[in-house]
Amino acid sequence: MGIYRSAMGKNVDMSALVSRNEKTRAVGNMKVNARGDTIDSFGKIITSVNEKVNTAYSKTVGNKSANITRRTANRIEPDPITTVAMDLTNEERELESSIEDDLIIEQIKAKEIKKK
């Protein structure tokens, strides 16, 4: 899309117009907004257009490995600090803790400088 000139000679930016109104309820008997998301009577999105495309694609593609899989949001990532700390010797752990102490001191100094 681009900038078009109207019959009255005014410039109309169609891209800006579309992006401003993409959450607006579409005219017609379908319960969708301008983007294509399925919405309820209050305008809240029930099914996004991305989910619709993904389900339609997964129905047409026979290869299951090509289909999009949904990852769980509750996946717990291992804490890199604790996993690294397990492999360290005592001297390395002392050095790590002293570096952390130095960082805390530097943060305190920075706060003091900002106060002045």
N, C-alpha and C. Protein backbone atom coordinates (compact mmCIF):
# COMPACT_ATOMS: atom_id res chain seq x y z
N MET A 1 0.85 -1.17 0.00
CA MET A 1 0.00 0.00 0.00
C MET A 1 0.89 1.22 0.00
N GLY A 2 0.31 2.32 -0.23
CA GLY A 2 1.11 3.51 -0.28
C GLY A 2 0.25 4.74 -0.06
N ILE A 3 0.75 5.85 -0.57
CA ILE A 3 0.03 7.11 -0.45
C ILE A 3 -0.69 7.36 -1.77
N TYR A 4 -2.00 7.56 -1.68
CA TYR A 4 -2.83 7.81 -2.85
C TYR A 4 -3.39 9.22 -2.79
N ARG A 5 -3.71 9.75 -3.95
CA ARG A 5 -4.33 11.07 -4.04
C ARG A 5 -5.82 10.87 -4.26
N SER A 6 -6.63 11.51 -3.44
CA SER A 6 -8.07 11.37 -3.55
C SER A 6 -8.60 12.23 -4.70
N ALA A 7 -9.88 12.10 -4.99
CA ALA A 7 -10.50 12.89 -6.05
C ALA A 7 -10.49 14.38 -5.72
N MET A 8 -10.45 14.70 -4.43
CA MET A 8 -10.41 16.10 -4.00
C MET A 8 -8.97 16.64 -3.94
N GLY A 9 -7.98 15.79 -4.25
CA GLY A 9 -6.60 16.23 -4.27
C GLY A 9 -5.85 16.04 -2.97
N LYS A 10 -6.46 15.40 -1.99
CA LYS A 10 -5.80 15.17 -0.70
C LYS A 10 -5.02 13.86 -0.76
N ASN A 11 -3.90 13.80 -0.03
CA ASN A 11 -3.11 12.58 0.07
C ASN A 11 -3.67 11.70 1.18
N VAL A 12 -3.85 10.41 0.86
CA VAL A 12 -4.36 9.45 1.83
C VAL A 12 -3.33 8.34 1.96
N ASP A 13 -2.81 8.17 3.19
CA ASP A 13 -1.85 7.10 3.47
C ASP A 13 -2.64 5.86 3.84
N MET A 14 -2.74 4.93 2.92
CA MET A 14 -3.55 3.73 3.14
C MET A 14 -2.93 2.80 4.19
N SER A 15 -1.61 2.73 4.26
CA SER A 15 -0.95 1.88 5.24
C SER A 15 -1.26 2.34 6.66
N ALA A 16 -1.20 3.64 6.88
CA ALA A 16 -1.51 4.18 8.20
C ALA A 16 -2.98 3.97 8.54
N LEU A 17 -3.84 4.10 7.55
CA LEU A 17 -5.27 3.91 7.76
C LEU A 17 -5.58 2.47 8.16
N VAL A 18 -4.94 1.53 7.48
CA VAL A 18 -5.16 0.11 7.80
C VAL A 18 -4.63 -0.22 9.18
N SER A 19 -3.43 0.25 9.50
CA SER A 19 -2.85 -0.09 10.80
C SER A 19 -3.62 0.56 11.95
N ARG A 20 -4.21 1.72 11.72
CA ARG A 20 -5.00 2.38 12.77
C ARG A 20 -6.29 1.63 13.06
N ASN A 21 -6.84 0.97 12.04
CA ASN A 21 -8.16 0.36 12.19
C ASN A 21 -8.14 -1.16 12.18
N GLU A 22 -6.99 -1.80 12.42
CA GLU A 22 -6.95 -3.25 12.34
C GLU A 22 -7.67 -3.95 13.48
N LYS A 23 -7.91 -3.28 14.59
CA LYS A 23 -8.65 -3.88 15.71
C LYS A 23 -10.14 -3.56 15.64
N THR A 24 -10.57 -2.81 14.64
CA THR A 24 -11.97 -2.41 14.50
C THR A 24 -12.79 -3.56 13.93
N ARG A 25 -13.99 -3.71 14.42
CA ARG A 25 -14.90 -4.76 13.96
C ARG A 25 -15.22 -4.56 12.48
N ALA A 26 -15.11 -5.63 11.70
CA ALA A 26 -15.37 -5.55 10.27
C ALA A 26 -16.88 -5.51 10.02
N VAL A 27 -17.25 -4.88 8.92
CA VAL A 27 -18.66 -4.78 8.55
C VAL A 27 -19.07 -6.09 7.89
N GLY A 28 -20.22 -6.61 8.29
CA GLY A 28 -20.73 -7.84 7.72
C GLY A 28 -21.25 -8.76 8.80
N ASN A 29 -21.59 -9.98 8.39
CA ASN A 29 -22.17 -10.91 9.36
C ASN A 29 -21.15 -11.84 9.98
N MET A 30 -19.87 -11.72 9.61
CA MET A 30 -18.83 -12.52 10.25
C MET A 30 -18.35 -11.82 11.51
N LYS A 31 -18.00 -12.57 12.51
CA LYS A 31 -17.54 -11.99 13.77
C LYS A 31 -16.02 -11.89 13.75
N VAL A 32 -15.49 -10.95 12.95
CA VAL A 32 -14.05 -10.75 12.82
C VAL A 32 -13.74 -9.27 12.87
N ASN A 33 -12.47 -8.97 13.17
CA ASN A 33 -12.01 -7.59 13.06
C ASN A 33 -11.34 -7.42 11.70
N ALA A 34 -10.78 -6.26 11.44
CA ALA A 34 -10.21 -5.97 10.12
C ALA A 34 -9.00 -6.85 9.80
N ARG A 35 -8.29 -7.33 10.82
CA ARG A 35 -7.15 -8.23 10.59
C ARG A 35 -7.60 -9.63 10.22
N GLY A 36 -8.78 -10.04 10.67
CA GLY A 36 -9.26 -11.39 10.42
C GLY A 36 -9.35 -12.23 11.68
N ASP A 37 -9.05 -11.64 12.85
CA ASP A 37 -9.17 -12.36 14.11
C ASP A 37 -10.64 -12.59 14.43
N THR A 38 -10.97 -13.77 14.94
CA THR A 38 -12.34 -14.02 15.40
C THR A 38 -12.52 -13.31 16.73
N ILE A 39 -13.61 -12.53 16.84
CA ILE A 39 -13.84 -11.75 18.06
C ILE A 39 -15.22 -12.05 18.60
N ASP A 40 -15.42 -11.74 19.89
CA ASP A 40 -16.72 -11.92 20.51
C ASP A 40 -17.51 -10.62 20.38
N SER A 41 -18.66 -10.56 21.04
CA SER A 41 -19.52 -9.38 20.92
C SER A 41 -18.93 -8.15 21.58
N PHE A 42 -17.93 -8.33 22.45
CA PHE A 42 -17.30 -7.19 23.10
C PHE A 42 -16.03 -6.73 22.37
N GLY A 43 -15.64 -7.44 21.32
CA GLY A 43 -14.46 -7.07 20.56
C GLY A 43 -13.19 -7.73 21.04
N LYS A 44 -13.28 -8.66 21.99
CA LYS A 44 -12.10 -9.37 22.47
C LYS A 44 -11.76 -10.50 21.50
N ILE A 45 -10.47 -10.70 21.27
CA ILE A 45 -10.01 -11.70 20.31
C ILE A 45 -10.17 -13.10 20.90
N ILE A 46 -10.90 -13.95 20.17
CA ILE A 46 -11.08 -15.35 20.58
C ILE A 46 -10.02 -16.21 19.90
N THR A 47 -9.88 -16.07 18.58
CA THR A 47 -8.90 -16.82 17.81
C THR A 47 -8.17 -15.85 16.90
N SER A 48 -6.86 -15.79 17.01
CA SER A 48 -6.11 -14.86 16.16
C SER A 48 -5.99 -15.42 14.75
N VAL A 49 -5.70 -14.54 13.82
CA VAL A 49 -5.58 -14.95 12.42
C VAL A 49 -4.39 -15.87 12.24
N ASN A 50 -3.35 -15.72 13.05
CA ASN A 50 -2.19 -16.62 12.97
C ASN A 50 -2.56 -18.04 13.35
N GLU A 51 -3.38 -18.20 14.38
CA GLU A 51 -3.82 -19.54 14.78
C GLU A 51 -4.67 -20.17 13.68
N LYS A 52 -5.51 -19.38 13.04
CA LYS A 52 -6.34 -19.89 11.95
C LYS A 52 -5.48 -20.39 10.80
N VAL A 53 -4.46 -19.61 10.43
CA VAL A 53 -3.58 -20.00 9.33
C VAL A 53 -2.80 -21.26 9.70
N ASN A 54 -2.32 -21.34 10.93
CA ASN A 54 -1.56 -22.52 11.36
C ASN A 54 -2.41 -23.78 11.32
N THR A 55 -3.66 -23.72 11.76
CA THR A 55 -4.51 -24.91 11.74
C THR A 55 -4.86 -25.30 10.31
N ALA A 56 -5.11 -24.32 9.45
CA ALA A 56 -5.41 -24.64 8.05
C ALA A 56 -4.20 -25.26 7.37
N TYR A 57 -3.01 -24.75 7.67
CA TYR A 57 -1.79 -25.30 7.09
C TYR A 57 -1.54 -26.71 7.59
N SER A 58 -1.76 -26.94 8.87
CA SER A 58 -1.51 -28.28 9.42
C SER A 58 -2.50 -29.31 8.86
N LYS A 59 -3.68 -28.87 8.46
CA LYS A 59 -4.65 -29.79 7.85
C LYS A 59 -4.23 -30.17 6.44
N THR A 60 -3.57 -29.27 5.71
CA THR A 60 -3.22 -29.56 4.32
C THR A 60 -1.89 -30.28 4.18
N VAL A 61 -0.97 -30.06 5.11
CA VAL A 61 0.35 -30.67 5.02
C VAL A 61 0.31 -32.04 5.67
N GLY A 62 0.75 -33.06 4.94
CA GLY A 62 0.73 -34.42 5.46
C GLY A 62 1.89 -34.72 6.38
N ASN A 63 3.00 -34.01 6.22
CA ASN A 63 4.20 -34.27 7.02
C ASN A 63 4.03 -33.61 8.38
N LYS A 64 4.01 -34.38 9.43
CA LYS A 64 3.81 -33.85 10.78
C LYS A 64 4.98 -33.02 11.26
N SER A 65 6.20 -33.31 10.78
CA SER A 65 7.36 -32.55 11.24
C SER A 65 7.36 -31.15 10.64
N ALA A 66 6.62 -30.92 9.55
CA ALA A 66 6.55 -29.59 8.94
C ALA A 66 5.52 -28.71 9.64
N ASN A 67 4.66 -29.31 10.43
CA ASN A 67 3.62 -28.54 11.10
C ASN A 67 4.18 -27.74 12.25
N ILE A 68 3.54 -26.63 12.52
CA ILE A 68 3.95 -25.75 13.61
C ILE A 68 3.45 -26.34 14.92
N THR A 69 4.34 -26.47 15.88
CA THR A 69 3.94 -26.97 17.19
C THR A 69 3.96 -25.84 18.18
N ARG A 70 3.05 -25.88 19.10
CA ARG A 70 2.96 -24.84 20.12
C ARG A 70 3.82 -25.23 21.30
N ARG A 71 4.71 -24.33 21.71
CA ARG A 71 5.56 -24.60 22.85
C ARG A 71 4.88 -24.13 24.11
N THR A 72 5.12 -24.82 25.19
CA THR A 72 4.50 -24.44 26.44
C THR A 72 5.22 -23.24 27.02
N ALA A 73 4.44 -22.33 27.58
CA ALA A 73 5.02 -21.12 28.15
C ALA A 73 5.62 -21.38 29.53
N ASN A 74 5.29 -22.49 30.14
CA ASN A 74 5.75 -22.77 31.50
C ASN A 74 7.05 -23.56 31.54
N ARG A 75 7.77 -23.59 30.43
CA ARG A 75 9.03 -24.32 30.42
C ARG A 75 10.02 -23.64 31.36
N ILE A 76 10.66 -24.42 32.20
CA ILE A 76 11.61 -23.88 33.18
C ILE A 76 13.01 -24.01 32.61
N GLU A 77 13.67 -22.87 32.47
CA GLU A 77 15.04 -22.85 31.98
C GLU A 77 15.99 -23.04 33.16
N PRO A 78 17.05 -23.80 32.99
CA PRO A 78 18.01 -23.94 34.08
C PRO A 78 18.74 -22.62 34.30
N ASP A 79 18.98 -22.33 35.54
CA ASP A 79 19.67 -21.08 35.89
C ASP A 79 21.15 -21.23 35.52
N PRO A 80 21.67 -20.36 34.62
CA PRO A 80 23.06 -20.54 34.19
C PRO A 80 24.07 -20.33 35.31
N ILE A 81 23.73 -19.51 36.29
CA ILE A 81 24.67 -19.26 37.39
C ILE A 81 24.85 -20.51 38.24
N THR A 82 23.74 -21.19 38.54
CA THR A 82 23.85 -22.39 39.37
C THR A 82 24.49 -23.54 38.61
N THR A 83 24.23 -23.66 37.31
CA THR A 83 24.83 -24.75 36.56
C THR A 83 26.33 -24.54 36.40
N VAL A 84 26.76 -23.30 36.23
CA VAL A 84 28.19 -23.01 36.13
C VAL A 84 28.84 -23.19 37.49
N ALA A 85 28.14 -22.80 38.56
CA ALA A 85 28.72 -22.88 39.90
C ALA A 85 29.00 -24.33 40.31
N MET A 86 28.28 -25.27 39.76
CA MET A 86 28.50 -26.66 40.11
C MET A 86 29.83 -27.17 39.57
N ASP A 87 30.29 -26.60 38.47
CA ASP A 87 31.51 -27.07 37.84
C ASP A 87 32.75 -26.34 38.32
N LEU A 88 32.60 -25.37 39.22
CA LEU A 88 33.74 -24.56 39.64
C LEU A 88 34.43 -25.17 40.86
N THR A 89 35.71 -24.85 40.95
CA THR A 89 36.46 -25.24 42.14
C THR A 89 36.20 -24.20 43.24
N ASN A 90 36.73 -24.45 44.44
CA ASN A 90 36.52 -23.52 45.55
C ASN A 90 37.14 -22.15 45.26
N GLU A 91 38.32 -22.15 44.66
CA GLU A 91 38.98 -20.88 44.35
C GLU A 91 38.18 -20.08 43.32
N GLU A 92 37.65 -20.78 42.34
CA GLU A 92 36.85 -20.11 41.31
C GLU A 92 35.57 -19.55 41.90
N ARG A 93 34.97 -20.28 42.83
CA ARG A 93 33.76 -19.78 43.49
C ARG A 93 34.05 -18.51 44.29
N GLU A 94 35.20 -18.49 44.99
CA GLU A 94 35.60 -17.29 45.74
C GLU A 94 35.77 -16.10 44.81
N LEU A 95 36.42 -16.34 43.68
CA LEU A 95 36.64 -15.28 42.70
C LEU A 95 35.31 -14.76 42.16
N GLU A 96 34.38 -15.67 41.88
CA GLU A 96 33.05 -15.26 41.39
C GLU A 96 32.33 -14.41 42.43
N SER A 97 32.39 -14.80 43.70
CA SER A 97 31.69 -14.04 44.73
C SER A 97 32.34 -12.68 44.93
N SER A 98 33.67 -12.61 44.81
CA SER A 98 34.33 -11.31 44.95
C SER A 98 33.98 -10.39 43.78
N ILE A 99 33.80 -10.96 42.59
CA ILE A 99 33.40 -10.15 41.43
C ILE A 99 31.99 -9.62 41.65
N GLU A 100 31.10 -10.46 42.19
CA GLU A 100 29.74 -10.01 42.48
C GLU A 100 29.75 -8.89 43.52
N ASP A 101 30.60 -9.02 44.52
CA ASP A 101 30.72 -7.97 45.54
C ASP A 101 31.21 -6.67 44.91
N ASP A 102 32.20 -6.77 44.00
CA ASP A 102 32.71 -5.59 43.32
C ASP A 102 31.61 -4.91 42.49
N LEU A 103 30.77 -5.72 41.85
CA LEU A 103 29.68 -5.14 41.06
C LEU A 103 28.69 -4.40 41.95
N ILE A 104 28.39 -4.96 43.11
CA ILE A 104 27.47 -4.30 44.05
C ILE A 104 28.06 -2.99 44.52
N ILE A 105 29.35 -2.98 44.80
CA ILE A 105 30.01 -1.75 45.24
C ILE A 105 29.96 -0.70 44.14
N GLU A 106 30.20 -1.11 42.90
CA GLU A 106 30.16 -0.17 41.78
C GLU A 106 28.75 0.41 41.59
N GLN A 107 27.71 -0.40 41.81
CA GLN A 107 26.34 0.09 41.69
C GLN A 107 26.05 1.11 42.78
N ILE A 108 26.53 0.86 43.99
CA ILE A 108 26.33 1.81 45.09
C ILE A 108 27.04 3.11 44.79
N LYS A 109 28.26 3.03 44.27
CA LYS A 109 29.00 4.24 43.91
C LYS A 109 28.28 5.02 42.83
N ALA A 110 27.71 4.34 41.85
CA ALA A 110 26.99 5.01 40.78
C ALA A 110 25.75 5.73 41.33
N LYS A 111 25.06 5.12 42.29
CA LYS A 111 23.89 5.75 42.89
C LYS A 111 24.30 7.00 43.66
N GLU A 112 25.42 6.93 44.36
CA GLU A 112 25.91 8.08 45.13
C GLU A 112 26.28 9.24 44.20
N ILE A 113 26.89 8.92 43.08
CA ILE A 113 27.26 9.97 42.11
C ILE A 113 26.01 10.62 41.54
N LYS A 114 24.96 9.84 41.27
CA LYS A 114 23.71 10.40 40.74
C LYS A 114 23.03 11.32 41.74
N LYS A 115 23.18 11.01 43.04
CA LYS A 115 22.55 11.83 44.08
C LYS A 115 23.18 13.21 44.14
N LYS A 116 24.47 13.29 43.85
CA LYS A 116 25.18 14.57 43.95
C LYS A 116 24.86 15.44 42.81
